Amino acid sequence: MKVLVINSGSSSLKCTLFRMPEREALAHCVVERIGEDEPAISVEANGATWARPCTASNHEQALDAALGALLESGGDALRSLEEIGAVGHRVVHGGERMSGSAVVTQEVEAVIRDSSVLAPLHNPPNLVGIRAASHTLPAALQVAVFDTAFHRSMPPAAYLYGLPYELYEQRRIRKYGFHGTSHEYVAERAAELLGVPFDRCNLITLHLGNGCSACAVRDGRSVDTSMGMTPLEGLVMGTRCGDIDPALFFLLGNELEIAPGDIYDLLNRRSGLQGLSGKSNDMREIMADAERGDPRARATLEVFCYRVRKYIGAYLAVLGAAHAVVFTAGIGENCPPVRRMACEGLESLGIRLDEDKNEAAVGREALISEDGSPIAVLVVPTDEELKIAVDTYRLSRAP
């Protein structure tokens, strides 16, 4: 059976085709600039890559272009649309009602639509992608896989804010968390590597990319995570500030007379690594500048790693004991200096990094802690598309 995984953005459509249950990725396709001038498509299939202009004035046309390109690629990727038995859709927000992946029904679509107030930039295009796939592939099962679902197991002590309770009751203002598909995937894989049953495994998972989040996993369930009601809370990120004093919003508005929309833009798009360094949101560039002696780049690197280290310590306190700390995503998988700095000073808590193992682990699964370290340290490359495909296939086989 072939499963198509779709990540639908406001002006882009990303597709990955899997053969299941073999978990084999057959092809990858991206349509960009949907509804804009000069939309384009790029495809990786059968060992070849190519790109060209395409027609994509809307998401349905973009999906048609993607499926046409996959059919055209030849080989074993896709010979007929009838081979696609199910479509898995990444959906950012499921609110409080979705605690797992679900077959798309009118009720599930309503949840996605109602949760758009919590994720206005993501849920509407996610829903557009679902409707486009339902029209183009009417015989395929449509499945929604929610970024927030893994964190639905958080207790109230972790997700409630210190605000008037009626704001939670009436407006559902609370922590939701994101990157759940990634955290769940790497947590499951880490448990496999450690030889510990997932439902008895305690982990701290660190998704460090342009967006960053930490997650405390107890007995295979998320019990806390660093992102909040929105993805702005928590770790320092590529362009997001992470945790700050909320009163700064009023200082920026009242004292500096910055408009609310501009403050939102500053905190989300002009802060984090970009704002601190003044140059780039790319950790590779910041590390290179730091190595050349740039004091601002060095300070940026230290702030980033300090925040990660602080969350590791906090989540050890939440869990009481942990089997492992797990690094994933672009920075987590590929930046040994960041991992080293994030773990420095945690030896007394049981985290002992092996320098040689850490330096050798770039873009691959690896155990990078010292032999005998009470808490293992792992690098596990994330694969959110595969996790979506697995959940979609599982639901397609359910009675």
Foldseek 3Di string as FASTA:
>chain_A
DKEWEWEFFPFKIKIWIADPPVLHTAKIKMWGRALHPFIKMWMDGPNDIDMDTADHNDVLRVVVVVVVVQCVVDDPRDVDLVVHAAYFFEAADQALPAQFKDFDDPVSLVSLVVCCVLVVRGSVRSSSNQVSCCVVNVNHTYMYGYQQNLQSPADCVAWADPDPCVCCVPVVFTFRDGNNLQVLQVLCVVCVVVVHPLQQAWEWEWAADQQTKIFTAHSNGTHHMQQTSHSQAAAQHLQARHDDDVCVLVCCCPVVVDDNVVVVCNRRGCDGLCVQLVHGSDLVVLVVVVVVPDVSSVVSLLRRLVRLLVVVVVSCVVHVAHQAYEFEHDCRQAPLVSVVSNCPPCVVVQFAFASVQSVVGHNDWGFGGDVPRNHTYIYDYTDSSSSSVVSRVVVSPDD
